[in-house]
PDB file of N, CA and C in Angstrom:
ATOM      1  N   MET A   1     107.028 120.080  81.306  1.00  0.00           N
ATOM      2  CA  MET A   1     106.323 119.006  80.288  1.00  0.00           C
ATOM      3  C   MET A   1     106.806 119.017  78.963  1.00  0.00           C
ATOM      4  N   HIS A   2     107.944 119.526  78.604  1.00  0.00           N
ATOM      5  CA  HIS A   2     108.776 119.597  77.271  1.00  0.00           C
ATOM      6  C   HIS A   2     109.296 118.027  77.295  1.00  0.00           C
ATOM      7  N   GLY A   3     108.798 117.309  76.342  1.00  0.00           N
ATOM      8  CA  GLY A   3     109.377 116.096  75.956  1.00  0.00           C
ATOM      9  C   GLY A   3     108.906 115.559  74.858  1.00  0.00           C
ATOM     10  N   LEU A   4     109.515 114.404  74.604  1.00  0.00           N
ATOM     11  CA  LEU A   4     109.039 113.496  73.158  1.00  0.00           C
ATOM     12  C   LEU A   4     108.476 112.215  73.932  1.00  0.00           C
ATOM     13  N   HIS A   5     107.460 111.751  73.138  1.00  0.00           N
ATOM     14  CA  HIS A   5     106.476 110.703  73.352  1.00  0.00           C
ATOM     15  C   HIS A   5     106.717 109.950  72.169  1.00  0.00           C
ATOM     16  N   LEU A   6     107.139 108.626  72.051  1.00  0.00           N
ATOM     17  CA  LEU A   6     107.425 107.755  70.973  1.00  0.00           C
ATOM     18  C   LEU A   6     106.485 106.540  71.041  1.00  0.00           C
ATOM     19  N   THR A   7     105.650 106.109  70.245  1.00  0.00           N
ATOM     20  CA  THR A   7     105.045 104.864  70.168  1.00  0.00           C
ATOM     21  C   THR A   7     105.186 104.039  68.986  1.00  0.00           C
ATOM     22  N   ALA A   8     104.989 102.724  68.929  1.00  0.00           N
ATOM     23  CA  ALA A   8     105.215 101.810  68.131  1.00  0.00           C
ATOM     24  C   ALA A   8     104.247 100.638  68.173  1.00  0.00           C
ATOM     25  N   ASP A   9     103.728 100.405  67.236  1.00  0.00           N
ATOM     26  CA  ASP A   9     102.684  99.191  67.052  1.00  0.00           C
ATOM     27  C   ASP A   9     103.688  98.071  66.195  1.00  0.00           C
ATOM     28  N   LEU A  10     103.995  97.095  66.685  1.00  0.00           N
ATOM     29  CA  LEU A  10     104.780  96.156  66.040  1.00  0.00           C
ATOM     30  C   LEU A  10     103.929  94.869  65.605  1.00  0.00           C
ATOM     31  N   HIS A  11     103.685  94.571  64.349  1.00  0.00           N
ATOM     32  CA  HIS A  11     102.819  93.326  63.620  1.00  0.00           C
ATOM     33  C   HIS A  11     103.690  92.326  63.364  1.00  0.00           C
ATOM     34  N   ASP A  12     103.236  91.276  63.331  1.00  0.00           N
ATOM     35  CA  ASP A  12     103.690  89.849  62.668  1.00  0.00           C
ATOM     36  C   ASP A  12     105.269  89.559  63.182  1.00  0.00           C
ATOM     37  N   CYS A  13     105.500  89.684  64.499  1.00  0.00           N
ATOM     38  CA  CYS A  13     106.964  89.839  65.061  1.00  0.00           C
ATOM     39  C   CYS A  13     107.377  88.266  64.715  1.00  0.00           C
ATOM     40  N   ARG A  14     108.657  88.142  64.253  1.00  0.00           N
ATOM     41  CA  ARG A  14     109.369  86.971  63.784  1.00  0.00           C
ATOM     42  C   ARG A  14     110.249  86.564  65.126  1.00  0.00           C
ATOM     43  N   CYS A  15     110.194  87.222  66.104  1.00  0.00           N
ATOM     44  CA  CYS A  15     110.997  86.781  67.157  1.00  0.00           C
ATOM     45  C   CYS A  15     110.644  85.397  67.957  1.00  0.00           C
ATOM     46  N   GLU A  16     111.647  84.783  68.732  1.00  0.00           N
ATOM     47  CA  GLU A  16     111.385  83.760  69.542  1.00  0.00           C
ATOM     48  C   GLU A  16     110.156  83.941  70.349  1.00  0.00           C
ATOM     49  N   MET A  17     109.373  82.886  70.492  1.00  0.00           N
ATOM     50  CA  MET A  17     108.052  83.374  71.315  1.00  0.00           C
ATOM     51  C   MET A  17     108.407  83.413  72.479  1.00  0.00           C
ATOM     52  N   HIS A  18     109.435  83.429  73.299  1.00  0.00           N
ATOM     53  CA  HIS A  18     109.642  83.725  74.685  1.00  0.00           C
ATOM     54  C   HIS A  18     109.629  85.198  74.910  1.00  0.00           C
ATOM     55  N   TRP A  19     109.965  86.124  73.926  1.00  0.00           N
ATOM     56  CA  TRP A  19     109.929  87.509  74.143  1.00  0.00           C
ATOM     57  C   TRP A  19     108.677  88.097  74.151  1.00  0.00           C
ATOM     58  N   LEU A  20     107.593  87.366  73.908  1.00  0.00           N
ATOM     59  CA  LEU A  20     106.116  87.891  73.860  1.00  0.00           C
ATOM     60  C   LEU A  20     105.423  87.318  74.892  1.00  0.00           C
ATOM     61  N   LEU A  21     106.138  86.030  75.799  1.00  0.00           N
ATOM     62  CA  LEU A  21     105.449  85.151  76.808  1.00  0.00           C
ATOM     63  C   LEU A  21     106.125  85.582  78.190  1.00  0.00           C
ATOM     64  N   ASP A  22     107.360  85.705  78.061  1.00  0.00           N
ATOM     65  CA  ASP A  22     108.115  85.922  79.464  1.00  0.00           C
ATOM     66  C   ASP A  22     108.355  87.403  79.744  1.00  0.00           C
ATOM     67  N   ALA A  23     107.443  87.595  80.925  1.00  0.00           N
ATOM     68  CA  ALA A  23     107.623  89.191  81.297  1.00  0.00           C
ATOM     69  C   ALA A  23     108.688  89.504  81.959  1.00  0.00           C
ATOM     70  N   GLU A  24     109.362  88.484  82.739  1.00  0.00           N
ATOM     71  CA  GLU A  24     110.866  88.881  83.262  1.00  0.00           C
ATOM     72  C   GLU A  24     111.760  89.023  82.036  1.00  0.00           C
ATOM     73  N   ALA A  25     111.788  88.276  81.026  1.00  0.00           N
ATOM     74  CA  ALA A  25     112.918  88.604  80.102  1.00  0.00           C
ATOM     75  C   ALA A  25     112.367  89.729  79.207  1.00  0.00           C
ATOM     76  N   LEU A  26     111.244  90.114  78.955  1.00  0.00           N
ATOM     77  CA  LEU A  26     110.758  91.452  78.216  1.00  0.00           C
ATOM     78  C   LEU A  26     111.196  92.486  79.189  1.00  0.00           C
ATOM     79  N   GLY A  27     110.874  92.413  80.588  1.00  0.00           N
ATOM     80  CA  GLY A  27     111.447  93.503  81.359  1.00  0.00           C
ATOM     81  C   GLY A  27     112.970  93.667  81.475  1.00  0.00           C
ATOM     82  N   ALA A  28     113.530  92.335  81.404  1.00  0.00           N
ATOM     83  CA  ALA A  28     115.109  92.744  81.537  1.00  0.00           C
ATOM     84  C   ALA A  28     115.569  93.475  80.153  1.00  0.00           C
ATOM     85  N   ALA A  29     115.237  93.201  79.194  1.00  0.00           N
ATOM     86  CA  ALA A  29     115.357  93.673  77.835  1.00  0.00           C
ATOM     87  C   ALA A  29     115.185  95.110  77.838  1.00  0.00           C
ATOM     88  N   CYS A  30     114.005  95.471  78.445  1.00  0.00           N
ATOM     89  CA  CYS A  30     113.671  97.052  78.673  1.00  0.00           C
ATOM     90  C   CYS A  30     114.614  97.832  79.235  1.00  0.00           C
ATOM     91  N   VAL A  31     114.933  97.235  80.517  1.00  0.00           N
ATOM     92  CA  VAL A  31     115.804  97.983  81.431  1.00  0.00           C
ATOM     93  C   VAL A  31     117.285  97.881  80.669  1.00  0.00           C
ATOM     94  N   LYS A  32     117.629  96.863  80.015  1.00  0.00           N
ATOM     95  CA  LYS A  32     118.875  96.871  79.407  1.00  0.00           C
ATOM     96  C   LYS A  32     119.145  97.814  78.230  1.00  0.00           C
ATOM     97  N   THR A  33     118.057  97.950  77.588  1.00  0.00           N
ATOM     98  CA  THR A  33     117.964  98.846  76.499  1.00  0.00           C
ATOM     99  C   THR A  33     117.984 100.248  76.917  1.00  0.00           C
ATOM    100  N   ALA A  34     117.193 100.561  78.126  1.00  0.00           N
ATOM    101  CA  ALA A  34     117.043 102.129  78.747  1.00  0.00           C
ATOM    102  C   ALA A  34     118.530 102.365  79.296  1.00  0.00           C
ATOM    103  N   GLN A  35     119.220 101.538  80.067  1.00  0.00           N
ATOM    104  CA  GLN A  35     120.421 101.597  80.390  1.00  0.00           C
ATOM    105  C   GLN A  35     121.685 101.810  79.280  1.00  0.00           C
ATOM    106  N   ALA A  36     121.540 101.225  78.301  1.00  0.00           N
ATOM    107  CA  ALA A  36     122.513 101.131  77.234  1.00  0.00           C
ATOM    108  C   ALA A  36     122.243 102.742  76.434  1.00  0.00           C
ATOM    109  N   ALA A  37     121.058 103.033  76.484  1.00  0.00           N
ATOM    110  CA  ALA A  37     120.859 104.364  75.849  1.00  0.00           C
ATOM    111  C   ALA A  37     121.458 105.546  76.978  1.00  0.00           C
ATOM    112  N   GLY A  38     121.495 105.238  78.087  1.00  0.00           N
ATOM    113  CA  GLY A  38     121.960 106.286  78.794  1.00  0.00           C
ATOM    114  C   GLY A  38     120.940 107.003  79.748  1.00  0.00           C
ATOM    115  N   LEU A  39     119.612 106.236  79.790  1.00  0.00           N
ATOM    116  CA  LEU A  39     118.630 106.752  80.623  1.00  0.00           C
ATOM    117  C   LEU A  39     118.639 105.898  82.012  1.00  0.00           C
ATOM    118  N   GLN A  40     118.046 106.717  83.081  1.00  0.00           N
ATOM    119  CA  GLN A  40     118.489 106.330  84.303  1.00  0.00           C
ATOM    120  C   GLN A  40     117.226 105.548  84.870  1.00  0.00           C
ATOM    121  N   VAL A  41     117.024 104.188  85.120  1.00  0.00           N
ATOM    122  CA  VAL A  41     116.037 103.461  85.658  1.00  0.00           C
ATOM    123  C   VAL A  41     115.745 103.538  87.061  1.00  0.00           C
ATOM    124  N   VAL A  42     114.591 103.882  87.503  1.00  0.00           N
ATOM    125  CA  VAL A  42     114.343 104.337  89.215  1.00  0.00           C
ATOM    126  C   VAL A  42     113.312 103.438  89.427  1.00  0.00           C
ATOM    127  N   GLY A  43     112.841 102.370  88.593  1.00  0.00           N
ATOM    128  CA  GLY A  43     111.517 101.452  89.130  1.00  0.00           C
ATOM    129  C   GLY A  43     111.098 100.463  87.955  1.00  0.00           C
ATOM    130  N   LYS A  44     110.608  99.403  88.391  1.00  0.00           N
ATOM    131  CA  LYS A  44     110.077  98.633  87.024  1.00  0.00           C
ATOM    132  C   LYS A  44     109.037  97.801  87.672  1.00  0.00           C
ATOM    133  N   LEU A  45     108.138  97.255  86.737  1.00  0.00           N
ATOM    134  CA  LEU A  45     107.039  96.297  87.126  1.00  0.00           C
ATOM    135  C   LEU A  45     106.875  95.319  85.825  1.00  0.00           C
ATOM    136  N   PHE A  46     106.961  94.219  86.076  1.00  0.00           N
ATOM    137  CA  PHE A  46     106.704  93.165  85.022  1.00  0.00           C
ATOM    138  C   PHE A  46     105.369  92.272  85.338  1.00  0.00           C
ATOM    139  N   HIS A  47     104.700  92.013  84.448  1.00  0.00           N
ATOM    140  CA  HIS A  47     103.465  90.944  84.756  1.00  0.00           C
ATOM    141  C   HIS A  47     103.239  90.261  83.496  1.00  0.00           C
ATOM    142  N   GLY A  48     103.005  89.006  83.849  1.00  0.00           N
ATOM    143  CA  GLY A  48     102.738  88.102  82.822  1.00  0.00           C
ATOM    144  C   GLY A  48     101.003  87.672  82.880  1.00  0.00           C
ATOM    145  N   PHE A  49     100.373  87.462  81.789  1.00  0.00           N
ATOM    146  CA  PHE A  49      99.194  87.281  81.903  1.00  0.00           C
ATOM    147  C   PHE A  49      98.557  85.797  81.586  1.00  0.00           C
ATOM    148  N   PRO A  50      97.663  85.224  81.986  1.00  0.00           N
ATOM    149  CA  PRO A  50      97.193  83.804  81.922  1.00  0.00           C
ATOM    150  C   PRO A  50      96.704  83.678  80.329  1.00  0.00           C
ATOM    151  N   ALA A  51      96.876  82.325  79.982  1.00  0.00           N
ATOM    152  CA  ALA A  51      96.239  82.023  78.817  1.00  0.00           C
ATOM    153  C   ALA A  51      95.004  82.219  78.614  1.00  0.00           C
ATOM    154  N   THR A  52      94.276  82.555  77.606  1.00  0.00           N
ATOM    155  CA  THR A  52      92.826  82.616  77.383  1.00  0.00           C
ATOM    156  C   THR A  52      92.498  81.829  76.167  1.00  0.00           C
ATOM    157  N   PRO A  53      91.049  81.446  75.873  1.00  0.00           N
ATOM    158  CA  PRO A  53      90.830  80.649  74.694  1.00  0.00           C
ATOM    159  C   PRO A  53      91.231  81.099  73.400  1.00  0.00           C
ATOM    160  N   GLN A  54      91.643  82.436  73.301  1.00  0.00           N
ATOM    161  CA  GLN A  54      92.601  82.975  72.096  1.00  0.00           C
ATOM    162  C   GLN A  54      93.774  82.551  71.894  1.00  0.00           C
ATOM    163  N   GLY A  55      94.403  82.072  73.215  1.00  0.00           N
ATOM    164  CA  GLY A  55      95.963  81.698  72.835  1.00  0.00           C
ATOM    165  C   GLY A  55      96.693  81.945  74.145  1.00  0.00           C
ATOM    166  N   PRO A  56      97.863  81.973  74.249  1.00  0.00           N
ATOM    167  CA  PRO A  56      98.859  82.075  75.466  1.00  0.00           C
ATOM    168  C   PRO A  56      98.797  83.449  76.006  1.00  0.00           C
ATOM    169  N   GLY A  57      99.034  83.683  77.049  1.00  0.00           N
ATOM    170  CA  GLY A  57      98.693  85.138  77.766  1.00  0.00           C
ATOM    171  C   GLY A  57     100.134  86.142  77.346  1.00  0.00           C
ATOM    172  N   GLY A  58      99.950  87.005  77.235  1.00  0.00           N
ATOM    173  CA  GLY A  58     100.897  88.125  76.922  1.00  0.00           C
ATOM    174  C   GLY A  58     101.653  88.574  78.186  1.00  0.00           C
ATOM    175  N   ALA A  59     102.562  89.603  77.980  1.00  0.00           N
ATOM    176  CA  ALA A  59     103.165  90.304  78.956  1.00  0.00           C
ATOM    177  C   ALA A  59     103.287  91.749  78.938  1.00  0.00           C
ATOM    178  N   THR A  60     103.616  92.337  80.077  1.00  0.00           N
ATOM    179  CA  THR A  60     103.807  93.877  80.262  1.00  0.00           C
ATOM    180  C   THR A  60     104.868  93.975  80.690  1.00  0.00           C
ATOM    181  N   ALA A  61     105.731  95.037  80.359  1.00  0.00           N
ATOM    182  CA  ALA A  61     106.952  95.488  81.238  1.00  0.00           C
ATOM    183  C   ALA A  61     106.760  97.023  81.266  1.00  0.00           C
ATOM    184  N   THR A  62     106.955  97.695  82.369  1.00  0.00           N
ATOM    185  CA  THR A  62     106.935  99.169  82.782  1.00  0.00           C
ATOM    186  C   THR A  62     108.096  99.309  83.222  1.00  0.00           C
ATOM    187  N   VAL A  63     108.722 100.223  82.819  1.00  0.00           N
ATOM    188  CA  VAL A  63     109.966 100.789  83.415  1.00  0.00           C
ATOM    189  C   VAL A  63     109.950 102.353  83.711  1.00  0.00           C
ATOM    190  N   LEU A  64     110.162 102.790  84.953  1.00  0.00           N
ATOM    191  CA  LEU A  64     110.049 104.065  85.459  1.00  0.00           C
ATOM    192  C   LEU A  64     111.391 104.457  85.205  1.00  0.00           C
ATOM    193  N   LEU A  65     111.577 105.767  84.505  1.00  0.00           N
ATOM    194  CA  LEU A  65     112.812 106.473  84.442  1.00  0.00           C
ATOM    195  C   LEU A  65     112.932 107.517  84.796  1.00  0.00           C
ATOM    196  N   ALA A  66     114.035 108.162  85.501  1.00  0.00           N
ATOM    197  CA  ALA A  66     114.240 109.502  85.801  1.00  0.00           C
ATOM    198  C   ALA A  66     113.634 110.575  84.896  1.00  0.00           C
ATOM    199  N   GLU A  67     114.111 110.140  83.561  1.00  0.00           N
ATOM    200  CA  GLU A  67     113.647 111.018  82.410  1.00  0.00           C
ATOM    201  C   GLU A  67     111.881 110.776  81.899  1.00  0.00           C
ATOM    202  N   SER A  68     111.257 109.509  82.339  1.00  0.00           N
ATOM    203  CA  SER A  68     109.867 109.370  82.604  1.00  0.00           C
ATOM    204  C   SER A  68     109.566 108.094  82.497  1.00  0.00           C
ATOM    205  N   HIS A  69     109.032 107.567  81.431  1.00  0.00           N
ATOM    206  CA  HIS A  69     108.625 105.900  81.115  1.00  0.00           C
ATOM    207  C   HIS A  69     109.068 105.410  80.022  1.00  0.00           C
ATOM    208  N   LEU A  70     109.012 103.816  79.984  1.00  0.00           N
ATOM    209  CA  LEU A  70     109.285 103.054  78.997  1.00  0.00           C
ATOM    210  C   LEU A  70     108.093 101.891  79.437  1.00  0.00           C
ATOM    211  N   CYS A  71     107.261 101.542  78.390  1.00  0.00           N
ATOM    212  CA  CYS A  71     106.091 100.599  78.411  1.00  0.00           C
ATOM    213  C   CYS A  71     106.341  99.632  77.079  1.00  0.00           C
ATOM    214  N   ALA A  72     106.061  98.222  77.516  1.00  0.00           N
ATOM    215  CA  ALA A  72     106.052  97.363  76.375  1.00  0.00           C
ATOM    216  C   ALA A  72     104.836  96.426  76.630  1.00  0.00           C
ATOM    217  N   HIS A  73     103.890  95.970  75.697  1.00  0.00           N
ATOM    218  CA  HIS A  73     102.944  95.156  75.866  1.00  0.00           C
ATOM    219  C   HIS A  73     102.901  94.171  74.788  1.00  0.00           C
ATOM    220  N   THR A  74     102.773  92.838  75.150  1.00  0.00           N
ATOM    221  CA  THR A  74     102.751  91.847  73.929  1.00  0.00           C
ATOM    222  C   THR A  74     101.300  91.095  73.893  1.00  0.00           C
ATOM    223  N   TRP A  75     101.159  90.673  72.722  1.00  0.00           N
ATOM    224  CA  TRP A  75      99.867  89.802  72.367  1.00  0.00           C
ATOM    225  C   TRP A  75     100.236  88.715  71.412  1.00  0.00           C
ATOM    226  N   PRO A  76     100.703  87.599  72.253  1.00  0.00           N
ATOM    227  CA  PRO A  76     101.368  86.549  71.507  1.00  0.00           C
ATOM    228  C   PRO A  76     100.526  86.049  70.505  1.00  0.00           C
ATOM    229  N   GLU A  77      99.149  85.880  70.827  1.00  0.00           N
ATOM    230  CA  GLU A  77      98.113  85.267  69.925  1.00  0.00           C
ATOM    231  C   GLU A  77      97.970  86.104  68.583  1.00  0.00           C
ATOM    232  N   GLN A  78      98.633  87.260  68.480  1.00  0.00           N
ATOM    233  CA  GLN A  78      98.666  88.095  67.383  1.00  0.00           C
ATOM    234  C   GLN A  78     100.005  88.315  66.921  1.00  0.00           C
ATOM    235  N   ARG A  79     101.156  87.944  67.613  1.00  0.00           N
ATOM    236  CA  ARG A  79     102.510  88.137  67.520  1.00  0.00           C
ATOM    237  C   ARG A  79     102.739  89.584  67.215  1.00  0.00           C
ATOM    238  N   GLY A  80     102.103  90.555  68.291  1.00  0.00           N
ATOM    239  CA  GLY A  80     102.154  91.809  68.284  1.00  0.00           C
ATOM    240  C   GLY A  80     102.584  92.465  69.550  1.00  0.00           C
ATOM    241  N   VAL A  81     103.386  93.497  69.506  1.00  0.00           N
ATOM    242  CA  VAL A  81     103.715  94.170  70.390  1.00  0.00           C
ATOM    243  C   VAL A  81     103.325  95.796  70.347  1.00  0.00           C
ATOM    244  N   THR A  82     103.181  96.499  71.524  1.00  0.00           N
ATOM    245  CA  THR A  82     103.144  97.872  71.449  1.00  0.00           C
ATOM    246  C   THR A  82     104.174  98.330  72.358  1.00  0.00           C
ATOM    247  N   LEU A  83     104.806  99.453  71.859  1.00  0.00           N
ATOM    248  CA  LEU A  83     106.179 100.104  72.677  1.00  0.00           C
ATOM    249  C   LEU A  83     105.530 101.609  72.819  1.00  0.00           C
ATOM    250  N   ASP A  84     105.936 101.957  74.013  1.00  0.00           N
ATOM    251  CA  ASP A  84     105.828 103.534  74.502  1.00  0.00           C
ATOM    252  C   ASP A  84     106.959 103.948  75.189  1.00  0.00           C
ATOM    253  N   VAL A  85     107.712 104.978  74.512  1.00  0.00           N
ATOM    254  CA  VAL A  85     108.702 105.809  75.176  1.00  0.00           C
ATOM    255  C   VAL A  85     108.468 107.050  75.525  1.00  0.00           C
ATOM    256  N   TYR A  86     108.573 107.544  76.613  1.00  0.00           N
ATOM    257  CA  TYR A  86     108.251 109.113  76.952  1.00  0.00           C
ATOM    258  C   TYR A  86     109.409 109.611  77.726  1.00  0.00           C
ATOM    259  N   VAL A  87     110.074 110.611  77.117  1.00  0.00           N
ATOM    260  CA  VAL A  87     111.237 111.275  78.116  1.00  0.00           C
ATOM    261  C   VAL A  87     111.032 112.729  78.054  1.00  0.00           C
ATOM    262  N   CYS A  88     111.162 113.239  79.160  1.00  0.00           N
ATOM    263  CA  CYS A  88     111.261 114.788  79.388  1.00  0.00           C
ATOM    264  C   CYS A  88     112.370 115.197  79.198  1.00  0.00           C
ATOM    265  N   ASN A  89     112.421 116.437  78.430  1.00  0.00           N
ATOM    266  CA  ASN A  89     113.476 117.117  77.907  1.00  0.00           C
ATOM    267  C   ASN A  89     113.796 118.321  78.556  1.00  0.00           C
ATOM    268  N   ILE A  90     113.505 118.359  79.912  1.00  0.00           N
ATOM    269  CA  ILE A  90     113.773 119.564  80.708  1.00  0.00           C
ATOM    270  C   ILE A  90     115.453 119.263  81.330  1.00  0.00           C
ATOM    271  N   GLY A  91     116.141 120.297  81.216  1.00  0.00           N
ATOM    272  CA  GLY A  91     117.656 120.165  81.572  1.00  0.00           C
ATOM    273  C   GLY A  91     118.697 119.592  80.423  1.00  0.00           C
ATOM    274  N   ALA A  92     118.088 118.665  79.600  1.00  0.00           N
ATOM    275  CA  ALA A  92     118.666 117.985  78.681  1.00  0.00           C
ATOM    276  C   ALA A  92     117.885 117.338  77.485  1.00  0.00           C
ATOM    277  N   ASP A  93     118.326 117.097  76.446  1.00  0.00           N
ATOM    278  CA  ASP A  93     117.455 116.839  75.265  1.00  0.00           C
ATOM    279  C   ASP A  93     117.706 115.149  75.301  1.00  0.00           C
ATOM    280  N   HIS A  94     116.806 114.335  75.568  1.00  0.00           N
ATOM    281  CA  HIS A  94     116.845 112.862  75.686  1.00  0.00           C
ATOM    282  C   HIS A  94     116.279 112.133  74.683  1.00  0.00           C
ATOM    283  N   SER A  95     115.857 113.091  73.456  1.00  0.00           N
ATOM    284  CA  SER A  95     115.224 112.391  72.337  1.00  0.00           C
ATOM    285  C   SER A  95     116.039 111.354  71.632  1.00  0.00           C
ATOM    286  N   ARG A  96     117.218 111.610  71.638  1.00  0.00           N
ATOM    287  CA  ARG A  96     118.016 110.567  70.782  1.00  0.00           C
ATOM    288  C   ARG A  96     118.300 109.253  71.630  1.00  0.00           C
ATOM    289  N   LYS A  97     118.234 109.402  72.919  1.00  0.00           N
ATOM    290  CA  LYS A  97     117.938 108.198  73.872  1.00  0.00           C
ATOM    291  C   LYS A  97     116.569 107.327  73.754  1.00  0.00           C
ATOM    292  N   ALA A  98     115.659 108.059  73.690  1.00  0.00           N
ATOM    293  CA  ALA A  98     114.513 107.458  73.275  1.00  0.00           C
ATOM    294  C   ALA A  98     114.350 106.661  72.123  1.00  0.00           C
ATOM    295  N   MET A  99     114.844 107.457  70.907  1.00  0.00           N
ATOM    296  CA  MET A  99     114.914 106.743  69.573  1.00  0.00           C
ATOM    297  C   MET A  99     115.765 105.384  69.634  1.00  0.00           C
ATOM    298  N   ALA A 100     116.886 105.541  70.698  1.00  0.00           N
ATOM    299  CA  ALA A 100     117.789 104.237  70.511  1.00  0.00           C
ATOM    300  C   ALA A 100     116.997 103.412  71.312  1.00  0.00           C
ATOM    301  N   VAL A 101     116.347 103.511  72.434  1.00  0.00           N
ATOM    302  CA  VAL A 101     115.569 102.336  72.922  1.00  0.00           C
ATOM    303  C   VAL A 101     114.505 101.653  72.064  1.00  0.00           C
ATOM    304  N   MET A 102     113.733 102.806  71.136  1.00  0.00           N
ATOM    305  CA  MET A 102     112.860 102.091  70.343  1.00  0.00           C
ATOM    306  C   MET A 102     113.650 101.064  69.091  1.00  0.00           C
ATOM    307  N   GLU A 103     114.581 101.634  68.735  1.00  0.00           N
ATOM    308  CA  GLU A 103     115.189 100.969  67.677  1.00  0.00           C
ATOM    309  C   GLU A 103     115.601  99.356  68.158  1.00  0.00           C
ATOM    310  N   ALA A 104     116.455  99.560  69.337  1.00  0.00           N
ATOM    311  CA  ALA A 104     116.759  98.403  70.044  1.00  0.00           C
ATOM    312  C   ALA A 104     115.663  97.387  70.328  1.00  0.00           C
ATOM    313  N   LEU A 105     114.615  97.851  70.860  1.00  0.00           N
ATOM    314  CA  LEU A 105     113.401  96.760  71.056  1.00  0.00           C
ATOM    315  C   LEU A 105     112.745  96.380  69.685  1.00  0.00           C
ATOM    316  N   GLU A 106     112.658  97.054  69.052  1.00  0.00           N
ATOM    317  CA  GLU A 106     112.085  96.898  67.767  1.00  0.00           C
ATOM    318  C   GLU A 106     112.910  95.783  66.992  1.00  0.00           C
ATOM    319  N   ALA A 107     114.178  95.695  67.318  1.00  0.00           N
ATOM    320  CA  ALA A 107     115.213  94.876  66.557  1.00  0.00           C
ATOM    321  C   ALA A 107     114.980  93.570  67.330  1.00  0.00           C
ATOM    322  N   ILE A 108     114.743  93.505  68.497  1.00  0.00           N
ATOM    323  CA  ILE A 108     114.484  92.077  69.309  1.00  0.00           C
ATOM    324  C   ILE A 108     113.244  91.508  68.647  1.00  0.00           C
ATOM    325  N   PHE A 109     112.099  92.221  68.313  1.00  0.00           N
ATOM    326  CA  PHE A 109     111.022  91.557  67.964  1.00  0.00           C
ATOM    327  C   PHE A 109     110.724  91.185  66.588  1.00  0.00           C
ATOM    328  N   MET A 110     111.681  91.787  65.980  1.00  0.00           N
ATOM    329  CA  MET A 110     111.767  91.663  64.196  1.00  0.00           C
ATOM    330  C   MET A 110     110.365  91.601  63.691  1.00  0.00           C
ATOM    331  N   PRO A 111     109.585  92.862  63.776  1.00  0.00           N
ATOM    332  CA  PRO A 111     108.335  92.917  63.091  1.00  0.00           C
ATOM    333  C   PRO A 111     108.229  92.983  61.657  1.00  0.00           C
ATOM    334  N   THR A 112     107.358  92.357  60.895  1.00  0.00           N
ATOM    335  CA  THR A 112     107.378  92.669  59.637  1.00  0.00           C
ATOM    336  C   THR A 112     106.587  94.070  59.325  1.00  0.00           C
ATOM    337  N   ARG A 113     105.924  94.604  59.990  1.00  0.00           N
ATOM    338  CA  ARG A 113     105.243  95.806  59.841  1.00  0.00           C
ATOM    339  C   ARG A 113     105.418  96.422  61.118  1.00  0.00           C
ATOM    340  N   VAL A 114     105.474  97.948  60.976  1.00  0.00           N
ATOM    341  CA  VAL A 114     105.574  98.807  62.268  1.00  0.00           C
ATOM    342  C   VAL A 114     104.882 100.036  61.756  1.00  0.00           C
ATOM    343  N   GLU A 115     104.107 100.430  62.787  1.00  0.00           N
ATOM    344  CA  GLU A 115     103.428 101.777  62.826  1.00  0.00           C
ATOM    345  C   GLU A 115     104.178 102.600  63.919  1.00  0.00           C
ATOM    346  N   ARG A 116     104.586 103.890  63.564  1.00  0.00           N
ATOM    347  CA  ARG A 116     105.533 104.394  64.374  1.00  0.00           C
ATOM    348  C   ARG A 116     104.682 105.963  64.644  1.00  0.00           C
ATOM    349  N   HIS A 117     104.688 106.477  65.734  1.00  0.00           N
ATOM    350  CA  HIS A 117     104.328 108.016  65.966  1.00  0.00           C
ATOM    351  C   HIS A 117     105.017 108.563  66.887  1.00  0.00           C
ATOM    352  N   ALA A 118     105.312 109.897  66.720  1.00  0.00           N
ATOM    353  CA  ALA A 118     106.222 110.642  67.647  1.00  0.00           C
ATOM    354  C   ALA A 118     105.300 111.958  67.943  1.00  0.00           C
ATOM    355  N   LEU A 119     105.255 112.289  69.172  1.00  0.00           N
ATOM    356  CA  LEU A 119     104.516 113.596  69.712  1.00  0.00           C
ATOM    357  C   LEU A 119     105.497 114.330  70.470  1.00  0.00           C
ATOM    358  N   LYS A 120     105.572 115.573  70.184  1.00  0.00           N
ATOM    359  CA  LYS A 120     106.702 116.557  70.904  1.00  0.00           C
ATOM    360  C   LYS A 120     105.419 117.118  72.060  1.00  0.00           C
ATOM    361  N   ARG A 121     105.731 116.946  73.242  1.00  0.00           N
ATOM    362  CA  ARG A 121     104.809 117.328  74.183  1.00  0.00           C
ATOM    363  C   ARG A 121     105.345 118.560  74.853  1.00  0.00           C
ATOM    364  N   GLY A 122     104.390 119.320  75.215  1.00  0.00           N
ATOM    365  CA  GLY A 122     104.781 120.685  75.815  1.00  0.00           C
ATOM    366  C   GLY A 122     105.558 121.514  75.045  1.00  0.00           C
ATOM    367  N   ALA A 123     105.929 122.828  75.615  1.00  0.00           N
ATOM    368  CA  ALA A 123     106.776 123.571  74.913  1.00  0.00           C
ATOM    369  C   ALA A 123     107.638 124.173  76.070  1.00  0.00           C
ATOM    370  N   LEU A 124     108.994 124.447  75.841  1.00  0.00           N
ATOM    371  CA  LEU A 124     109.694 125.279  76.950  1.00  0.00           C
ATOM    372  C   LEU A 124     109.283 126.573  76.765  1.00  0.00           C
ATOM    373  N   GLY A 125     109.147 127.214  78.086  1.00  0.00           N
ATOM    374  CA  GLY A 125     108.704 128.495  78.319  1.00  0.00           C
ATOM    375  C   GLY A 125     107.197 128.725  77.881  1.00  0.00           C
ATOM    376  N   ALA A 126     106.462 127.807  77.498  1.00  0.00           N
ATOM    377  CA  ALA A 126     105.079 128.044  77.401  1.00  0.00           C
ATOM    378  C   ALA A 126     104.251 128.566  78.600  1.00  0.00           C
ATOM    379  N   ALA A 127     103.430 129.502  78.389  1.00  0.00           N
ATOM    380  CA  ALA A 127     102.696 130.085  79.445  1.00  0.00           C
ATOM    381  C   ALA A 127     101.506 128.999  79.951  1.00  0.00           C
ATOM    382  N   THR A 128     101.278 128.892  81.257  1.00  0.00           N
ATOM    383  CA  THR A 128     100.173 128.166  81.679  1.00  0.00           C
ATOM    384  C   THR A 128      98.898 128.980  82.132  1.00  0.00           C
ATOM    385  N   ALA A 129      97.930 128.359  81.925  1.00  0.00           N
ATOM    386  CA  ALA A 129      96.433 129.069  82.071  1.00  0.00           C
ATOM    387  C   ALA A 129      96.258 128.864  83.619  1.00  0.00           C
TER     388      ALA A 129
END
């Protein structure tokens, strides 16, 4: 259970609108950034949501990694995105790879404001109850 869990809330994204609407494009970008960072993709699921009275439907991309997972969720009506990257660090430290994924995805969305959080999960050699 030793790993690093990164989250980012992206506000007022200045990217092209298709990044917020197109689940397949969002998913392909997630897969590409994970692979470019050296993470192993083992599964994926992309979903587009229908429009609502508040505006166009967003998209979700979930990428299963041998090291754990990557998720992106969009809110086009708010020009917002949430990102979630968790990597297990058993056998090797994948923290830099997780940070590279976050940086690459943030660059795609071009947010004007970002809230970032990092949580170190578990501890090597920790006793279990």
